[in-house]
């Protein structure tokens, strides 16, 4: 079951630092997400803007979590995550201004709807890394 992050109710602190890969095609939004995650105490291992770059970085750098825009400059964030998950599971949060709950996403995917707050992002990451495996 894909979870919408704003519906989650968790106050447990995030383990820090997490190594996070950001896949976002808007450079300003990517920098904003990077700043917020660094303020939370996390390490940004890469910022990518294409499907190919996201897959290559994830396979090379082995992040703990990915924060992914479904629409990238070239290709798709959703397709990138599917490819990465073939190699190993990586907790992931999709950030989108569009509804994604009707898309065929991994059962442990978390969707964070734009606009969102820093607290929403923290909750989404918390849920992504602590959600039980699907049965």
N, C-alpha and C. Protein backbone atom coordinates (compact mmCIF):
# COMPACT_ATOMS: atom_id res chain seq x y z
N UNK A 1 0.84 -1.18 0.00
CA UNK A 1 0.00 0.00 0.00
C UNK A 1 0.88 1.24 0.00
N UNK A 2 0.72 2.08 -0.96
CA UNK A 2 1.44 3.34 -1.03
C UNK A 2 0.86 4.28 0.01
N UNK A 3 1.73 4.97 0.73
CA UNK A 3 1.28 5.86 1.79
C UNK A 3 1.48 7.32 1.41
N UNK A 4 0.47 8.13 1.69
CA UNK A 4 0.60 9.57 1.50
C UNK A 4 1.16 10.14 2.80
N UNK A 5 2.29 10.81 2.71
CA UNK A 5 3.03 11.22 3.90
C UNK A 5 2.27 12.18 4.81
N UNK A 6 1.44 13.03 4.29
CA UNK A 6 0.74 13.99 5.15
C UNK A 6 -0.33 13.32 5.99
N UNK A 7 -0.64 12.06 5.71
CA UNK A 7 -1.60 11.33 6.50
C UNK A 7 -0.92 10.56 7.63
N UNK A 8 0.39 10.56 7.65
CA UNK A 8 1.13 9.79 8.63
C UNK A 8 1.23 10.53 9.94
N UNK A 9 1.21 9.79 11.01
CA UNK A 9 1.32 10.39 12.33
C UNK A 9 2.44 9.70 13.08
N UNK A 10 3.65 10.22 12.95
CA UNK A 10 4.78 9.66 13.66
C UNK A 10 5.65 10.80 14.17
N UNK A 11 6.05 10.71 15.38
CA UNK A 11 6.89 11.74 15.98
C UNK A 11 8.26 11.19 16.36
N UNK A 12 8.54 9.93 16.04
CA UNK A 12 9.83 9.34 16.39
C UNK A 12 10.93 10.08 15.65
N UNK A 13 12.04 10.37 16.31
CA UNK A 13 13.13 11.08 15.63
C UNK A 13 13.78 10.22 14.56
N UNK A 14 14.25 10.88 13.52
CA UNK A 14 14.95 10.17 12.45
C UNK A 14 16.36 9.82 12.90
N UNK A 15 16.82 8.63 12.52
CA UNK A 15 18.23 8.35 12.77
C UNK A 15 19.07 9.28 11.90
N UNK A 16 20.14 9.80 12.44
CA UNK A 16 21.00 10.67 11.66
C UNK A 16 22.44 10.23 11.83
N UNK A 17 23.27 10.46 10.90
CA UNK A 17 22.86 10.98 9.58
C UNK A 17 22.47 9.85 8.64
N UNK A 18 21.48 10.09 7.82
CA UNK A 18 21.14 9.21 6.73
C UNK A 18 21.85 9.73 5.49
N UNK A 19 22.23 8.82 4.61
CA UNK A 19 22.81 9.20 3.31
C UNK A 19 21.65 9.25 2.33
N UNK A 20 21.40 10.44 1.78
CA UNK A 20 20.20 10.65 0.96
C UNK A 20 20.58 11.09 -0.45
N UNK A 21 19.96 10.44 -1.42
CA UNK A 21 20.08 10.83 -2.82
C UNK A 21 18.84 11.63 -3.17
N UNK A 22 19.03 12.80 -3.76
CA UNK A 22 17.92 13.65 -4.19
C UNK A 22 17.86 13.60 -5.72
N UNK A 23 16.69 13.24 -6.26
CA UNK A 23 16.48 13.24 -7.71
C UNK A 23 15.40 14.28 -7.99
N UNK A 24 15.83 15.42 -8.50
CA UNK A 24 14.92 16.55 -8.71
C UNK A 24 15.41 17.35 -9.91
N UNK A 25 14.51 17.65 -10.85
CA UNK A 25 14.92 18.37 -12.06
C UNK A 25 14.89 19.88 -11.91
N UNK A 26 14.26 20.40 -10.88
CA UNK A 26 14.24 21.84 -10.64
C UNK A 26 15.42 22.18 -9.74
N UNK A 27 16.43 22.90 -10.26
CA UNK A 27 17.64 23.16 -9.47
C UNK A 27 17.37 23.91 -8.17
N UNK A 28 16.44 24.85 -8.17
CA UNK A 28 16.15 25.59 -6.94
C UNK A 28 15.49 24.70 -5.89
N UNK A 29 14.56 23.86 -6.32
CA UNK A 29 13.91 22.95 -5.39
C UNK A 29 14.91 21.91 -4.87
N UNK A 30 15.81 21.45 -5.72
CA UNK A 30 16.84 20.49 -5.30
C UNK A 30 17.72 21.10 -4.21
N UNK A 31 18.11 22.36 -4.38
CA UNK A 31 18.93 23.03 -3.37
C UNK A 31 18.16 23.25 -2.07
N UNK A 32 16.88 23.58 -2.19
CA UNK A 32 16.04 23.76 -1.01
C UNK A 32 15.93 22.45 -0.23
N UNK A 33 15.66 21.36 -0.94
CA UNK A 33 15.56 20.04 -0.29
C UNK A 33 16.90 19.68 0.35
N UNK A 34 17.99 19.94 -0.36
CA UNK A 34 19.31 19.66 0.18
C UNK A 34 19.53 20.43 1.49
N UNK A 35 19.22 21.72 1.49
CA UNK A 35 19.40 22.55 2.70
C UNK A 35 18.57 22.02 3.86
N UNK A 36 17.31 21.68 3.60
CA UNK A 36 16.43 21.18 4.66
C UNK A 36 16.97 19.87 5.23
N UNK A 37 17.40 18.96 4.35
CA UNK A 37 17.91 17.68 4.81
C UNK A 37 19.21 17.83 5.58
N UNK A 38 20.07 18.75 5.15
CA UNK A 38 21.31 19.00 5.89
C UNK A 38 21.02 19.59 7.26
N UNK A 39 20.03 20.48 7.34
CA UNK A 39 19.64 21.05 8.64
C UNK A 39 19.12 19.97 9.57
N UNK A 40 18.54 18.91 9.01
CA UNK A 40 18.07 17.78 9.82
C UNK A 40 19.23 16.88 10.26
N UNK A 41 20.42 17.14 9.71
CA UNK A 41 21.59 16.36 10.10
C UNK A 41 21.97 15.26 9.13
N UNK A 42 21.35 15.26 7.96
CA UNK A 42 21.61 14.19 6.99
C UNK A 42 22.71 14.59 6.00
N UNK A 43 23.25 13.58 5.34
CA UNK A 43 24.28 13.77 4.31
C UNK A 43 23.63 13.57 2.94
N UNK A 44 23.85 14.51 2.05
CA UNK A 44 23.36 14.37 0.68
C UNK A 44 24.49 13.74 -0.13
N UNK A 45 24.27 12.50 -0.57
CA UNK A 45 25.34 11.81 -1.31
C UNK A 45 25.33 12.17 -2.79
N UNK A 46 24.18 12.66 -3.31
CA UNK A 46 24.13 13.09 -4.71
C UNK A 46 22.82 13.84 -4.95
N UNK A 47 22.88 14.74 -5.94
CA UNK A 47 21.68 15.38 -6.48
C UNK A 47 21.72 15.09 -7.98
N UNK A 48 20.67 14.46 -8.47
CA UNK A 48 20.59 14.10 -9.89
C UNK A 48 19.32 14.68 -10.49
N UNK A 49 19.34 14.91 -11.80
CA UNK A 49 18.18 15.50 -12.46
C UNK A 49 17.64 14.64 -13.61
N UNK A 50 18.27 13.48 -13.85
CA UNK A 50 17.82 12.60 -14.92
C UNK A 50 17.64 11.18 -14.39
N UNK A 51 16.88 10.39 -15.14
CA UNK A 51 16.68 8.98 -14.77
C UNK A 51 18.00 8.22 -14.77
N UNK A 52 18.78 8.37 -15.83
CA UNK A 52 20.05 7.66 -15.93
C UNK A 52 21.01 8.05 -14.81
N UNK A 53 21.11 9.34 -14.52
CA UNK A 53 21.98 9.80 -13.46
C UNK A 53 21.54 9.30 -12.10
N UNK A 54 20.23 9.26 -11.87
CA UNK A 54 19.70 8.78 -10.60
C UNK A 54 20.03 7.31 -10.39
N UNK A 55 19.80 6.50 -11.41
CA UNK A 55 20.10 5.06 -11.30
C UNK A 55 21.58 4.84 -11.06
N UNK A 56 22.43 5.50 -11.84
CA UNK A 56 23.88 5.33 -11.70
C UNK A 56 24.34 5.75 -10.30
N UNK A 57 23.86 6.88 -9.82
CA UNK A 57 24.28 7.36 -8.50
C UNK A 57 23.81 6.42 -7.40
N UNK A 58 22.59 5.94 -7.49
CA UNK A 58 22.07 5.04 -6.46
C UNK A 58 22.84 3.73 -6.42
N UNK A 59 23.16 3.18 -7.56
CA UNK A 59 23.90 1.92 -7.59
C UNK A 59 25.33 2.10 -7.12
N UNK A 60 25.92 3.23 -7.42
CA UNK A 60 27.31 3.51 -7.04
C UNK A 60 27.44 3.92 -5.57
N UNK A 61 26.52 4.75 -5.09
CA UNK A 61 26.67 5.37 -3.76
C UNK A 61 25.90 4.67 -2.64
N UNK A 62 24.95 3.80 -2.99
CA UNK A 62 24.20 3.02 -2.01
C UNK A 62 23.56 3.91 -0.92
N UNK A 63 22.67 4.83 -1.30
CA UNK A 63 22.04 5.71 -0.29
C UNK A 63 21.12 4.93 0.64
N UNK A 64 20.86 5.52 1.80
CA UNK A 64 19.89 4.95 2.74
C UNK A 64 18.47 5.27 2.30
N UNK A 65 18.30 6.45 1.71
CA UNK A 65 16.98 6.95 1.31
C UNK A 65 17.13 7.74 0.02
N UNK A 66 16.07 7.72 -0.78
CA UNK A 66 16.01 8.56 -1.98
C UNK A 66 14.78 9.46 -1.88
N UNK A 67 14.96 10.72 -2.21
CA UNK A 67 13.86 11.68 -2.32
C UNK A 67 13.76 11.99 -3.81
N UNK A 68 12.63 11.62 -4.43
CA UNK A 68 12.56 11.56 -5.89
C UNK A 68 11.36 12.33 -6.43
N UNK A 69 11.63 13.17 -7.42
CA UNK A 69 10.57 13.80 -8.21
C UNK A 69 10.20 12.80 -9.30
N UNK A 70 8.91 12.49 -9.47
CA UNK A 70 8.53 11.52 -10.49
C UNK A 70 8.86 11.96 -11.92
N UNK A 71 8.89 13.28 -12.18
CA UNK A 71 9.18 13.78 -13.51
C UNK A 71 10.55 14.41 -13.54
N UNK A 72 11.49 13.80 -14.23
CA UNK A 72 12.85 14.34 -14.31
C UNK A 72 13.10 14.94 -15.69
N UNK A 73 14.25 15.60 -15.85
CA UNK A 73 14.56 16.24 -17.14
C UNK A 73 14.52 15.24 -18.29
N UNK A 74 15.19 14.13 -18.08
CA UNK A 74 15.21 13.06 -19.09
C UNK A 74 14.81 11.79 -18.38
N UNK A 75 13.68 11.24 -18.79
CA UNK A 75 13.21 10.01 -18.18
C UNK A 75 12.27 10.28 -17.02
N UNK A 76 12.13 9.27 -16.18
CA UNK A 76 11.14 9.29 -15.11
C UNK A 76 11.77 8.89 -13.79
N UNK A 77 11.40 9.61 -12.73
CA UNK A 77 11.84 9.23 -11.40
C UNK A 77 11.25 7.90 -10.98
N UNK A 78 10.02 7.64 -11.40
CA UNK A 78 9.36 6.37 -11.07
C UNK A 78 10.11 5.22 -11.74
N UNK A 79 10.47 5.38 -13.01
CA UNK A 79 11.22 4.33 -13.72
C UNK A 79 12.61 4.15 -13.09
N UNK A 80 13.23 5.25 -12.67
CA UNK A 80 14.54 5.15 -12.01
C UNK A 80 14.45 4.33 -10.73
N UNK A 81 13.44 4.60 -9.92
CA UNK A 81 13.27 3.85 -8.68
C UNK A 81 13.02 2.38 -8.97
N UNK A 82 12.18 2.08 -9.95
CA UNK A 82 11.95 0.67 -10.31
C UNK A 82 13.25 -0.03 -10.67
N UNK A 83 14.08 0.63 -11.44
CA UNK A 83 15.37 0.04 -11.84
C UNK A 83 16.27 -0.17 -10.63
N UNK A 84 16.35 0.79 -9.77
CA UNK A 84 17.19 0.70 -8.56
C UNK A 84 16.70 -0.44 -7.68
N UNK A 85 15.40 -0.57 -7.52
CA UNK A 85 14.84 -1.61 -6.65
C UNK A 85 15.08 -3.01 -7.18
N UNK A 86 15.40 -3.14 -8.45
CA UNK A 86 15.77 -4.46 -8.99
C UNK A 86 17.08 -4.94 -8.38
N UNK A 87 17.97 -3.99 -8.06
CA UNK A 87 19.27 -4.34 -7.48
C UNK A 87 19.18 -4.54 -5.97
N UNK A 88 18.45 -3.64 -5.28
CA UNK A 88 18.27 -3.74 -3.82
C UNK A 88 17.19 -2.76 -3.41
N UNK A 89 16.60 -3.02 -2.25
CA UNK A 89 15.59 -2.09 -1.77
C UNK A 89 16.27 -0.85 -1.19
N UNK A 90 15.75 0.31 -1.55
CA UNK A 90 16.16 1.58 -0.97
C UNK A 90 14.87 2.31 -0.59
N UNK A 91 14.78 2.74 0.67
CA UNK A 91 13.62 3.51 1.09
C UNK A 91 13.52 4.75 0.21
N UNK A 92 12.30 5.12 -0.15
CA UNK A 92 12.15 6.25 -1.07
C UNK A 92 10.86 7.02 -0.82
N UNK A 93 10.96 8.33 -1.10
CA UNK A 93 9.84 9.25 -0.97
C UNK A 93 9.71 9.97 -2.31
N UNK A 94 8.53 9.90 -2.90
CA UNK A 94 8.26 10.67 -4.10
C UNK A 94 7.66 12.00 -3.67
N UNK A 95 8.18 13.08 -4.24
CA UNK A 95 7.65 14.43 -3.99
C UNK A 95 7.03 14.91 -5.29
N UNK A 96 5.73 15.23 -5.23
CA UNK A 96 5.05 15.59 -6.46
C UNK A 96 3.94 16.59 -6.22
N UNK A 97 3.69 17.40 -7.23
CA UNK A 97 2.55 18.29 -7.21
C UNK A 97 1.31 17.63 -7.79
N UNK A 98 1.45 16.39 -8.23
CA UNK A 98 0.34 15.64 -8.83
C UNK A 98 0.05 14.42 -7.97
N UNK A 99 -1.16 13.94 -8.05
CA UNK A 99 -1.52 12.74 -7.30
C UNK A 99 -0.84 11.53 -7.94
N UNK A 100 -0.18 10.74 -7.11
CA UNK A 100 0.52 9.54 -7.59
C UNK A 100 -0.08 8.27 -7.01
N UNK A 101 -1.06 8.40 -6.13
CA UNK A 101 -1.56 7.22 -5.45
C UNK A 101 -2.22 6.22 -6.40
N UNK A 102 -2.56 6.66 -7.61
CA UNK A 102 -3.16 5.75 -8.57
C UNK A 102 -2.10 5.11 -9.48
N UNK A 103 -0.84 5.47 -9.30
CA UNK A 103 0.24 4.92 -10.12
C UNK A 103 0.71 3.59 -9.52
N UNK A 104 1.28 2.75 -10.33
CA UNK A 104 1.78 1.45 -9.87
C UNK A 104 3.16 1.66 -9.24
N UNK A 105 3.17 2.02 -7.96
CA UNK A 105 4.41 2.25 -7.22
C UNK A 105 4.70 1.06 -6.32
N UNK A 106 5.93 0.96 -5.87
CA UNK A 106 6.31 -0.09 -4.93
C UNK A 106 5.43 0.02 -3.68
N UNK A 107 5.04 -1.09 -3.07
CA UNK A 107 4.16 -1.02 -1.89
C UNK A 107 4.72 -0.21 -0.72
N UNK A 108 6.05 -0.05 -0.64
CA UNK A 108 6.62 0.73 0.46
C UNK A 108 6.93 2.17 0.06
N UNK A 109 6.47 2.57 -1.13
CA UNK A 109 6.67 3.95 -1.57
C UNK A 109 5.88 4.90 -0.68
N UNK A 110 6.47 6.05 -0.41
CA UNK A 110 5.78 7.11 0.31
C UNK A 110 5.67 8.29 -0.64
N UNK A 111 4.49 8.90 -0.68
CA UNK A 111 4.25 10.03 -1.58
C UNK A 111 4.01 11.28 -0.73
N UNK A 112 4.79 12.32 -1.00
CA UNK A 112 4.65 13.60 -0.32
C UNK A 112 4.15 14.62 -1.33
N UNK A 113 2.97 15.15 -1.07
CA UNK A 113 2.34 16.10 -1.99
C UNK A 113 2.90 17.50 -1.78
N UNK A 114 3.22 18.20 -2.88
CA UNK A 114 3.61 19.61 -2.81
C UNK A 114 2.35 20.44 -2.62
N UNK A 115 2.38 21.52 -1.90
CA UNK A 115 3.50 22.02 -1.10
C UNK A 115 3.60 21.23 0.20
N UNK A 116 4.79 21.23 0.79
CA UNK A 116 5.01 20.48 2.03
C UNK A 116 5.91 21.29 2.95
N UNK A 117 5.88 20.93 4.23
CA UNK A 117 6.72 21.59 5.21
C UNK A 117 7.94 20.72 5.51
N UNK A 118 8.90 21.29 6.23
CA UNK A 118 10.06 20.51 6.64
C UNK A 118 9.62 19.31 7.49
N UNK A 119 8.64 19.53 8.35
CA UNK A 119 8.13 18.46 9.21
C UNK A 119 7.47 17.36 8.38
N UNK A 120 6.75 17.74 7.32
CA UNK A 120 6.15 16.75 6.42
C UNK A 120 7.24 15.88 5.79
N UNK A 121 8.33 16.51 5.36
CA UNK A 121 9.43 15.78 4.74
C UNK A 121 10.07 14.83 5.75
N UNK A 122 10.29 15.30 6.97
CA UNK A 122 10.87 14.45 8.01
C UNK A 122 9.97 13.24 8.29
N UNK A 123 8.65 13.47 8.38
CA UNK A 123 7.72 12.37 8.61
C UNK A 123 7.73 11.38 7.46
N UNK A 124 7.79 11.88 6.24
CA UNK A 124 7.80 11.01 5.07
C UNK A 124 9.04 10.12 5.07
N UNK A 125 10.19 10.69 5.37
CA UNK A 125 11.42 9.91 5.42
C UNK A 125 11.34 8.89 6.55
N UNK A 126 10.85 9.30 7.70
CA UNK A 126 10.69 8.38 8.84
C UNK A 126 9.85 7.18 8.44
N UNK A 127 8.74 7.45 7.80
CA UNK A 127 7.84 6.37 7.39
C UNK A 127 8.51 5.47 6.35
N UNK A 128 9.23 6.07 5.42
CA UNK A 128 9.88 5.28 4.38
C UNK A 128 10.91 4.32 4.95
N UNK A 129 11.64 4.75 5.97
CA UNK A 129 12.70 3.87 6.50
C UNK A 129 12.19 2.90 7.57
N UNK A 130 11.00 3.12 8.11
CA UNK A 130 10.51 2.25 9.17
C UNK A 130 9.31 1.41 8.76
N UNK A 131 8.77 1.64 7.58
CA UNK A 131 7.58 0.91 7.16
C UNK A 131 7.88 -0.59 7.05
N UNK A 132 6.96 -1.42 7.50
CA UNK A 132 7.17 -2.86 7.39
C UNK A 132 7.13 -3.31 5.93
N UNK A 133 7.84 -4.38 5.67
CA UNK A 133 7.84 -4.95 4.32
C UNK A 133 6.44 -5.46 3.99
N UNK A 134 6.02 -5.34 2.73
CA UNK A 134 4.70 -5.84 2.34
C UNK A 134 4.65 -7.36 2.46
N UNK A 135 3.49 -7.85 2.77
CA UNK A 135 3.33 -9.31 2.90
C UNK A 135 2.98 -9.95 1.59
